[in-house]
Amino acid sequence: MNALPLFVDFGVQIKARSPALQTFVVQLVGVEGYLPTARAVRGGGYSAIAESNTVGPEGGQVLVDRTVDLVKSLWPEPKR
């Protein structure tokens, strides 16, 4: 399985929504294209066009949401 390089916006979303004091986004770079944001697709450019990618912005948002859910599961909210 090859990895898709994330656009930095996805990493920023993960960090901003993480309950951890520090969150590091580490990724592998593969040959399958890029994982562009919706903003990048609107702006165009090589790394954001459909021909350069196997997954679109919706997949990137799913990745962000699921990653944040997993990180949050490590820091459960205290019971009141």
PDB file of N, CA and C in Angstrom:
ATOM      1  N   MET A   1       0.845  -1.180   0.000  1.00  0.00           N
ATOM      2  CA  MET A   1       0.000   0.000   0.000  1.00  0.00           C
ATOM      3  C   MET A   1       0.883   1.234   0.000  1.00  0.00           C
ATOM      4  N   ASN A   2       0.612   2.135  -0.879  1.00  0.00           N
ATOM      5  CA  ASN A   2       1.365   3.382  -0.932  1.00  0.00           C
ATOM      6  C   ASN A   2       0.641   4.472  -0.156  1.00  0.00           C
ATOM      7  N   ALA A   3       1.391   5.401   0.349  1.00  0.00           N
ATOM      8  CA  ALA A   3       0.820   6.507   1.111  1.00  0.00           C
ATOM      9  C   ALA A   3       0.631   7.709   0.206  1.00  0.00           C
ATOM     10  N   LEU A   4      -0.326   8.534   0.561  1.00  0.00           N
ATOM     11  CA  LEU A   4      -0.572   9.777  -0.158  1.00  0.00           C
ATOM     12  C   LEU A   4      -0.066  10.941   0.675  1.00  0.00           C
ATOM     13  N   PRO A   5       0.771  11.792   0.132  1.00  0.00           N
ATOM     14  CA  PRO A   5       1.206  12.965   0.891  1.00  0.00           C
ATOM     15  C   PRO A   5       0.013  13.868   1.207  1.00  0.00           C
ATOM     16  N   LEU A   6      -0.139  14.195   2.470  1.00  0.00           N
ATOM     17  CA  LEU A   6      -1.229  15.077   2.904  1.00  0.00           C
ATOM     18  C   LEU A   6      -0.894  16.525   2.590  1.00  0.00           C
ATOM     19  N   PHE A   7      -1.887  17.284   2.228  1.00  0.00           N
ATOM     20  CA  PHE A   7      -1.702  18.723   2.192  1.00  0.00           C
ATOM     21  C   PHE A   7      -1.622  19.172   3.650  1.00  0.00           C
ATOM     22  N   VAL A   8      -0.862  20.197   3.913  1.00  0.00           N
ATOM     23  CA  VAL A   8      -0.600  20.646   5.286  1.00  0.00           C
ATOM     24  C   VAL A   8      -1.893  20.994   6.027  1.00  0.00           C
ATOM     25  N   ASP A   9      -2.917  21.432   5.321  1.00  0.00           N
ATOM     26  CA  ASP A   9      -4.182  21.797   5.980  1.00  0.00           C
ATOM     27  C   ASP A   9      -4.770  20.632   6.769  1.00  0.00           C
ATOM     28  N   PHE A  10      -4.639  19.408   6.248  1.00  0.00           N
ATOM     29  CA  PHE A  10      -5.166  18.256   6.979  1.00  0.00           C
ATOM     30  C   PHE A  10      -4.402  18.046   8.277  1.00  0.00           C
ATOM     31  N   GLY A  11      -3.099  18.178   8.242  1.00  0.00           N
ATOM     32  CA  GLY A  11      -2.297  18.058   9.456  1.00  0.00           C
ATOM     33  C   GLY A  11      -2.643  19.123  10.478  1.00  0.00           C
ATOM     34  N   VAL A  12      -2.882  20.331  10.018  1.00  0.00           N
ATOM     35  CA  VAL A  12      -3.257  21.427  10.915  1.00  0.00           C
ATOM     36  C   VAL A  12      -4.599  21.129  11.576  1.00  0.00           C
ATOM     37  N   GLN A  13      -5.540  20.594  10.805  1.00  0.00           N
ATOM     38  CA  GLN A  13      -6.847  20.233  11.382  1.00  0.00           C
ATOM     39  C   GLN A  13      -6.697  19.184  12.472  1.00  0.00           C
ATOM     40  N   ILE A  14      -5.875  18.170  12.212  1.00  0.00           N
ATOM     41  CA  ILE A  14      -5.660  17.115  13.203  1.00  0.00           C
ATOM     42  C   ILE A  14      -5.056  17.708  14.469  1.00  0.00           C
ATOM     43  N   LYS A  15      -4.034  18.526  14.330  1.00  0.00           N
ATOM     44  CA  LYS A  15      -3.384  19.133  15.491  1.00  0.00           C
ATOM     45  C   LYS A  15      -4.342  20.035  16.269  1.00  0.00           C
ATOM     46  N   ALA A  16      -5.130  20.823  15.553  1.00  0.00           N
ATOM     47  CA  ALA A  16      -6.039  21.766  16.205  1.00  0.00           C
ATOM     48  C   ALA A  16      -7.150  21.054  16.981  1.00  0.00           C
ATOM     49  N   ARG A  17      -7.570  19.914  16.502  1.00  0.00           N
ATOM     50  CA  ARG A  17      -8.688  19.201  17.131  1.00  0.00           C
ATOM     51  C   ARG A  17      -8.240  18.147  18.138  1.00  0.00           C
ATOM     52  N   SER A  18      -6.948  17.906  18.228  1.00  0.00           N
ATOM     53  CA  SER A  18      -6.428  16.888  19.133  1.00  0.00           C
ATOM     54  C   SER A  18      -6.465  17.375  20.582  1.00  0.00           C
ATOM     55  N   PRO A  19      -6.878  16.499  21.507  1.00  0.00           N
ATOM     56  CA  PRO A  19      -6.845  16.877  22.921  1.00  0.00           C
ATOM     57  C   PRO A  19      -5.453  16.730  23.538  1.00  0.00           C
ATOM     58  N   ALA A  20      -4.524  16.136  22.809  1.00  0.00           N
ATOM     59  CA  ALA A  20      -3.171  15.939  23.331  1.00  0.00           C
ATOM     60  C   ALA A  20      -2.433  17.271  23.414  1.00  0.00           C
ATOM     61  N   LEU A  21      -1.558  17.379  24.378  1.00  0.00           N
ATOM     62  CA  LEU A  21      -0.768  18.596  24.533  1.00  0.00           C
ATOM     63  C   LEU A  21       0.087  18.835  23.295  1.00  0.00           C
ATOM     64  N   GLN A  22       0.672  17.780  22.765  1.00  0.00           N
ATOM     65  CA  GLN A  22       1.436  17.857  21.519  1.00  0.00           C
ATOM     66  C   GLN A  22       0.952  16.758  20.584  1.00  0.00           C
ATOM     67  N   THR A  23       0.751  17.109  19.332  1.00  0.00           N
ATOM     68  CA  THR A  23       0.361  16.137  18.318  1.00  0.00           C
ATOM     69  C   THR A  23       1.282  16.313  17.124  1.00  0.00           C
ATOM     70  N   PHE A  24       1.895  15.228  16.705  1.00  0.00           N
ATOM     71  CA  PHE A  24       2.790  15.254  15.558  1.00  0.00           C
ATOM     72  C   PHE A  24       2.163  14.440  14.438  1.00  0.00           C
ATOM     73  N   VAL A  25       2.132  14.990  13.256  1.00  0.00           N
ATOM     74  CA  VAL A  25       1.624  14.283  12.087  1.00  0.00           C
ATOM     75  C   VAL A  25       2.834  13.811  11.290  1.00  0.00           C
ATOM     76  N   VAL A  26       2.986  12.510  11.187  1.00  0.00           N
ATOM     77  CA  VAL A  26       4.099  11.907  10.469  1.00  0.00           C
ATOM     78  C   VAL A  26       3.500  11.107   9.327  1.00  0.00           C
ATOM     79  N   GLN A  27       4.093  11.224   8.163  1.00  0.00           N
ATOM     80  CA  GLN A  27       3.528  10.520   7.018  1.00  0.00           C
ATOM     81  C   GLN A  27       4.616   9.942   6.136  1.00  0.00           C
ATOM     82  N   LEU A  28       4.224   8.948   5.392  1.00  0.00           N
ATOM     83  CA  LEU A  28       5.098   8.359   4.382  1.00  0.00           C
ATOM     84  C   LEU A  28       4.699   8.940   3.035  1.00  0.00           C
ATOM     85  N   VAL A  29       5.639   9.022   2.141  1.00  0.00           N
ATOM     86  CA  VAL A  29       5.347   9.549   0.809  1.00  0.00           C
ATOM     87  C   VAL A  29       5.424   8.405  -0.181  1.00  0.00           C
ATOM     88  N   GLY A  30       4.366   8.252  -0.965  1.00  0.00           N
ATOM     89  CA  GLY A  30       4.312   7.190  -1.952  1.00  0.00           C
ATOM     90  C   GLY A  30       4.238   7.760  -3.355  1.00  0.00           C
ATOM     91  N   VAL A  31       3.781   6.951  -4.251  1.00  0.00           N
ATOM     92  CA  VAL A  31       3.727   7.358  -5.660  1.00  0.00           C
ATOM     93  C   VAL A  31       2.295   7.439  -6.185  1.00  0.00           C
ATOM     94  N   GLU A  32       1.326   7.399  -5.310  1.00  0.00           N
ATOM     95  CA  GLU A  32      -0.071   7.382  -5.721  1.00  0.00           C
ATOM     96  C   GLU A  32      -0.661   8.768  -5.952  1.00  0.00           C
ATOM     97  N   GLY A  33       0.089   9.818  -5.826  1.00  0.00           N
ATOM     98  CA  GLY A  33      -0.440  11.168  -5.996  1.00  0.00           C
ATOM     99  C   GLY A  33      -0.428  11.922  -4.690  1.00  0.00           C
ATOM    100  N   TYR A  34      -1.407  12.781  -4.525  1.00  0.00           N
ATOM    101  CA  TYR A  34      -1.489  13.643  -3.349  1.00  0.00           C
ATOM    102  C   TYR A  34      -2.868  13.505  -2.724  1.00  0.00           C
ATOM    103  N   LEU A  35      -3.029  14.042  -1.524  1.00  0.00           N
ATOM    104  CA  LEU A  35      -4.321  14.068  -0.862  1.00  0.00           C
ATOM    105  C   LEU A  35      -4.691  15.533  -0.676  1.00  0.00           C
ATOM    106  N   PRO A  36      -5.312  16.139  -1.702  1.00  0.00           N
ATOM    107  CA  PRO A  36      -5.567  17.579  -1.674  1.00  0.00           C
ATOM    108  C   PRO A  36      -6.789  17.951  -0.842  1.00  0.00           C
ATOM    109  N   THR A  37      -6.781  19.167  -0.366  1.00  0.00           N
ATOM    110  CA  THR A  37      -7.948  19.720   0.312  1.00  0.00           C
ATOM    111  C   THR A  37      -8.913  20.286  -0.724  1.00  0.00           C
ATOM    112  N   ALA A  38     -10.137  20.561  -0.297  1.00  0.00           N
ATOM    113  CA  ALA A  38     -11.118  21.173  -1.201  1.00  0.00           C
ATOM    114  C   ALA A  38     -10.620  22.539  -1.666  1.00  0.00           C
ATOM    115  N   ARG A  39      -9.969  23.269  -0.779  1.00  0.00           N
ATOM    116  CA  ARG A  39      -9.432  24.587  -1.140  1.00  0.00           C
ATOM    117  C   ARG A  39      -8.370  24.460  -2.232  1.00  0.00           C
ATOM    118  N   ALA A  40      -7.534  23.433  -2.137  1.00  0.00           N
ATOM    119  CA  ALA A  40      -6.501  23.215  -3.142  1.00  0.00           C
ATOM    120  C   ALA A  40      -7.113  22.848  -4.492  1.00  0.00           C
ATOM    121  N   VAL A  41      -8.152  22.046  -4.458  1.00  0.00           N
ATOM    122  CA  VAL A  41      -8.818  21.670  -5.712  1.00  0.00           C
ATOM    123  C   VAL A  41      -9.415  22.905  -6.377  1.00  0.00           C
ATOM    124  N   ARG A  42     -10.041  23.760  -5.595  1.00  0.00           N
ATOM    125  CA  ARG A  42     -10.608  25.004  -6.160  1.00  0.00           C
ATOM    126  C   ARG A  42      -9.522  25.876  -6.771  1.00  0.00           C
ATOM    127  N   GLY A  43      -8.338  25.882  -6.155  1.00  0.00           N
ATOM    128  CA  GLY A  43      -7.235  26.708  -6.644  1.00  0.00           C
ATOM    129  C   GLY A  43      -6.520  26.112  -7.838  1.00  0.00           C
ATOM    130  N   GLY A  44      -6.704  24.820  -8.077  1.00  0.00           N
ATOM    131  CA  GLY A  44      -6.049  24.159  -9.206  1.00  0.00           C
ATOM    132  C   GLY A  44      -4.590  23.867  -8.914  1.00  0.00           C
ATOM    133  N   GLY A  45      -3.866  23.544  -9.937  1.00  0.00           N
ATOM    134  CA  GLY A  45      -2.457  23.197  -9.777  1.00  0.00           C
ATOM    135  C   GLY A  45      -2.253  21.705  -9.911  1.00  0.00           C
ATOM    136  N   TYR A  46      -1.048  21.331 -10.251  1.00  0.00           N
ATOM    137  CA  TYR A  46      -0.727  19.936 -10.541  1.00  0.00           C
ATOM    138  C   TYR A  46      -1.143  18.985  -9.422  1.00  0.00           C
ATOM    139  N   SER A  47      -0.793  19.306  -8.186  1.00  0.00           N
ATOM    140  CA  SER A  47      -1.032  18.385  -7.081  1.00  0.00           C
ATOM    141  C   SER A  47      -2.493  18.304  -6.648  1.00  0.00           C
ATOM    142  N   ALA A  48      -3.355  19.132  -7.216  1.00  0.00           N
ATOM    143  CA  ALA A  48      -4.757  19.135  -6.813  1.00  0.00           C
ATOM    144  C   ALA A  48      -5.709  18.682  -7.910  1.00  0.00           C
ATOM    145  N   ILE A  49      -5.209  18.350  -9.081  1.00  0.00           N
ATOM    146  CA  ILE A  49      -6.108  17.925 -10.150  1.00  0.00           C
ATOM    147  C   ILE A  49      -6.373  16.423 -10.056  1.00  0.00           C
ATOM    148  N   ALA A  50      -7.543  16.015 -10.513  1.00  0.00           N
ATOM    149  CA  ALA A  50      -7.968  14.620 -10.384  1.00  0.00           C
ATOM    150  C   ALA A  50      -6.977  13.648 -11.021  1.00  0.00           C
ATOM    151  N   GLU A  51      -6.367  14.030 -12.119  1.00  0.00           N
ATOM    152  CA  GLU A  51      -5.426  13.137 -12.804  1.00  0.00           C
ATOM    153  C   GLU A  51      -4.180  12.838 -11.978  1.00  0.00           C
ATOM    154  N   SER A  52      -3.908  13.641 -10.958  1.00  0.00           N
ATOM    155  CA  SER A  52      -2.716  13.450 -10.132  1.00  0.00           C
ATOM    156  C   SER A  52      -3.019  12.716  -8.826  1.00  0.00           C
ATOM    157  N   ASN A  53      -4.280  12.323  -8.620  1.00  0.00           N
ATOM    158  CA  ASN A  53      -4.691  11.801  -7.315  1.00  0.00           C
ATOM    159  C   ASN A  53      -5.588  10.579  -7.439  1.00  0.00           C
ATOM    160  N   THR A  54      -5.544   9.743  -6.411  1.00  0.00           N
ATOM    161  CA  THR A  54      -6.448   8.598  -6.342  1.00  0.00           C
ATOM    162  C   THR A  54      -7.535   8.801  -5.299  1.00  0.00           C
ATOM    163  N   VAL A  55      -7.354   9.779  -4.426  1.00  0.00           N
ATOM    164  CA  VAL A  55      -8.317  10.089  -3.374  1.00  0.00           C
ATOM    165  C   VAL A  55      -8.547  11.598  -3.382  1.00  0.00           C
ATOM    166  N   GLY A  56      -9.792  12.011  -3.205  1.00  0.00           N
ATOM    167  CA  GLY A  56     -10.127  13.432  -3.217  1.00  0.00           C
ATOM    168  C   GLY A  56     -10.225  14.027  -1.825  1.00  0.00           C
ATOM    169  N   PRO A  57     -10.623  15.280  -1.759  1.00  0.00           N
ATOM    170  CA  PRO A  57     -10.712  15.990  -0.481  1.00  0.00           C
ATOM    171  C   PRO A  57     -11.635  15.318   0.533  1.00  0.00           C
ATOM    172  N   GLU A  58     -12.677  14.665   0.046  1.00  0.00           N
ATOM    173  CA  GLU A  58     -13.601  13.999   0.968  1.00  0.00           C
ATOM    174  C   GLU A  58     -12.878  12.897   1.743  1.00  0.00           C
ATOM    175  N   GLY A  59     -12.021  12.162   1.049  1.00  0.00           N
ATOM    176  CA  GLY A  59     -11.233  11.124   1.714  1.00  0.00           C
ATOM    177  C   GLY A  59     -10.277  11.701   2.735  1.00  0.00           C
ATOM    178  N   GLY A  60      -9.725  12.859   2.426  1.00  0.00           N
ATOM    179  CA  GLY A  60      -8.844  13.529   3.380  1.00  0.00           C
ATOM    180  C   GLY A  60      -9.580  13.943   4.635  1.00  0.00           C
ATOM    181  N   GLN A  61     -10.806  14.413   4.472  1.00  0.00           N
ATOM    182  CA  GLN A  61     -11.584  14.824   5.642  1.00  0.00           C
ATOM    183  C   GLN A  61     -11.963  13.612   6.486  1.00  0.00           C
ATOM    184  N   VAL A  62     -12.265  12.483   5.842  1.00  0.00           N
ATOM    185  CA  VAL A  62     -12.540  11.250   6.582  1.00  0.00           C
ATOM    186  C   VAL A  62     -11.299  10.854   7.376  1.00  0.00           C
ATOM    187  N   LEU A  63     -10.136  10.951   6.757  1.00  0.00           N
ATOM    188  CA  LEU A  63      -8.885  10.629   7.445  1.00  0.00           C
ATOM    189  C   LEU A  63      -8.699  11.523   8.673  1.00  0.00           C
ATOM    190  N   VAL A  64      -8.936  12.814   8.528  1.00  0.00           N
ATOM    191  CA  VAL A  64      -8.811  13.750   9.657  1.00  0.00           C
ATOM    192  C   VAL A  64      -9.779  13.363  10.766  1.00  0.00           C
ATOM    193  N   ASP A  65     -11.048  13.175  10.408  1.00  0.00           N
ATOM    194  CA  ASP A  65     -12.074  12.883  11.420  1.00  0.00           C
ATOM    195  C   ASP A  65     -11.777  11.589  12.167  1.00  0.00           C
ATOM    196  N   ARG A  66     -11.383  10.559  11.456  1.00  0.00           N
ATOM    197  CA  ARG A  66     -11.097   9.272  12.110  1.00  0.00           C
ATOM    198  C   ARG A  66      -9.829   9.333  12.943  1.00  0.00           C
ATOM    199  N   THR A  67      -8.834  10.061  12.470  1.00  0.00           N
ATOM    200  CA  THR A  67      -7.600  10.212  13.242  1.00  0.00           C
ATOM    201  C   THR A  67      -7.881  10.943  14.544  1.00  0.00           C
ATOM    202  N   VAL A  68      -8.660  12.017  14.476  1.00  0.00           N
ATOM    203  CA  VAL A  68      -9.001  12.773  15.686  1.00  0.00           C
ATOM    204  C   VAL A  68      -9.800  11.890  16.651  1.00  0.00           C
ATOM    205  N   ASP A  69     -10.735  11.102  16.129  1.00  0.00           N
ATOM    206  CA  ASP A  69     -11.495  10.192  16.993  1.00  0.00           C
ATOM    207  C   ASP A  69     -10.565   9.204  17.708  1.00  0.00           C
ATOM    208  N   LEU A  70      -9.588   8.665  16.986  1.00  0.00           N
ATOM    209  CA  LEU A  70      -8.641   7.726  17.596  1.00  0.00           C
ATOM    210  C   LEU A  70      -7.790   8.402  18.673  1.00  0.00           C
ATOM    211  N   VAL A  71      -7.319   9.608  18.382  1.00  0.00           N
ATOM    212  CA  VAL A  71      -6.516  10.327  19.381  1.00  0.00           C
ATOM    213  C   VAL A  71      -7.369  10.643  20.600  1.00  0.00           C
ATOM    214  N   LYS A  72      -8.604  11.076  20.377  1.00  0.00           N
ATOM    215  CA  LYS A  72      -9.494  11.392  21.507  1.00  0.00           C
ATOM    216  C   LYS A  72      -9.769  10.168  22.362  1.00  0.00           C
ATOM    217  N   SER A  73      -9.782   8.994  21.760  1.00  0.00           N
ATOM    218  CA  SER A  73     -10.026   7.780  22.541  1.00  0.00           C
ATOM    219  C   SER A  73      -8.895   7.514  23.533  1.00  0.00           C
ATOM    220  N   LEU A  74      -7.730   8.085  23.291  1.00  0.00           N
ATOM    221  CA  LEU A  74      -6.602   7.938  24.213  1.00  0.00           C
ATOM    222  C   LEU A  74      -6.683   8.918  25.382  1.00  0.00           C
ATOM    223  N   TRP A  75      -7.485   9.962  25.230  1.00  0.00           N
ATOM    224  CA  TRP A  75      -7.684  10.964  26.269  1.00  0.00           C
ATOM    225  C   TRP A  75      -9.177  11.113  26.532  1.00  0.00           C
ATOM    226  N   PRO A  76      -9.800  10.134  27.160  1.00  0.00           N
ATOM    227  CA  PRO A  76     -11.240  10.245  27.388  1.00  0.00           C
ATOM    228  C   PRO A  76     -11.567  11.393  28.334  1.00  0.00           C
ATOM    229  N   GLU A  77     -12.713  11.981  28.106  1.00  0.00           N
ATOM    230  CA  GLU A  77     -13.145  13.072  28.976  1.00  0.00           C
ATOM    231  C   GLU A  77     -13.436  12.519  30.365  1.00  0.00           C
ATOM    232  N   PRO A  78     -13.083  13.267  31.396  1.00  0.00           N
ATOM    233  CA  PRO A  78     -13.341  12.782  32.761  1.00  0.00           C
ATOM    234  C   PRO A  78     -14.842  12.694  33.019  1.00  0.00           C
ATOM    235  N   LYS A  79     -15.236  11.674  33.790  1.00  0.00           N
ATOM    236  CA  LYS A  79     -16.655  11.505  34.150  1.00  0.00           C
ATOM    237  C   LYS A  79     -17.002  12.514  35.231  1.00  0.00           C
ATOM    238  N   ARG A  80     -18.181  13.044  35.135  1.00  0.00           N
ATOM    239  CA  ARG A  80     -18.622  14.050  36.125  1.00  0.00           C
ATOM    240  C   ARG A  80     -19.509  13.446  37.153  1.00  0.00           C
TER     241      ARG A  80
END
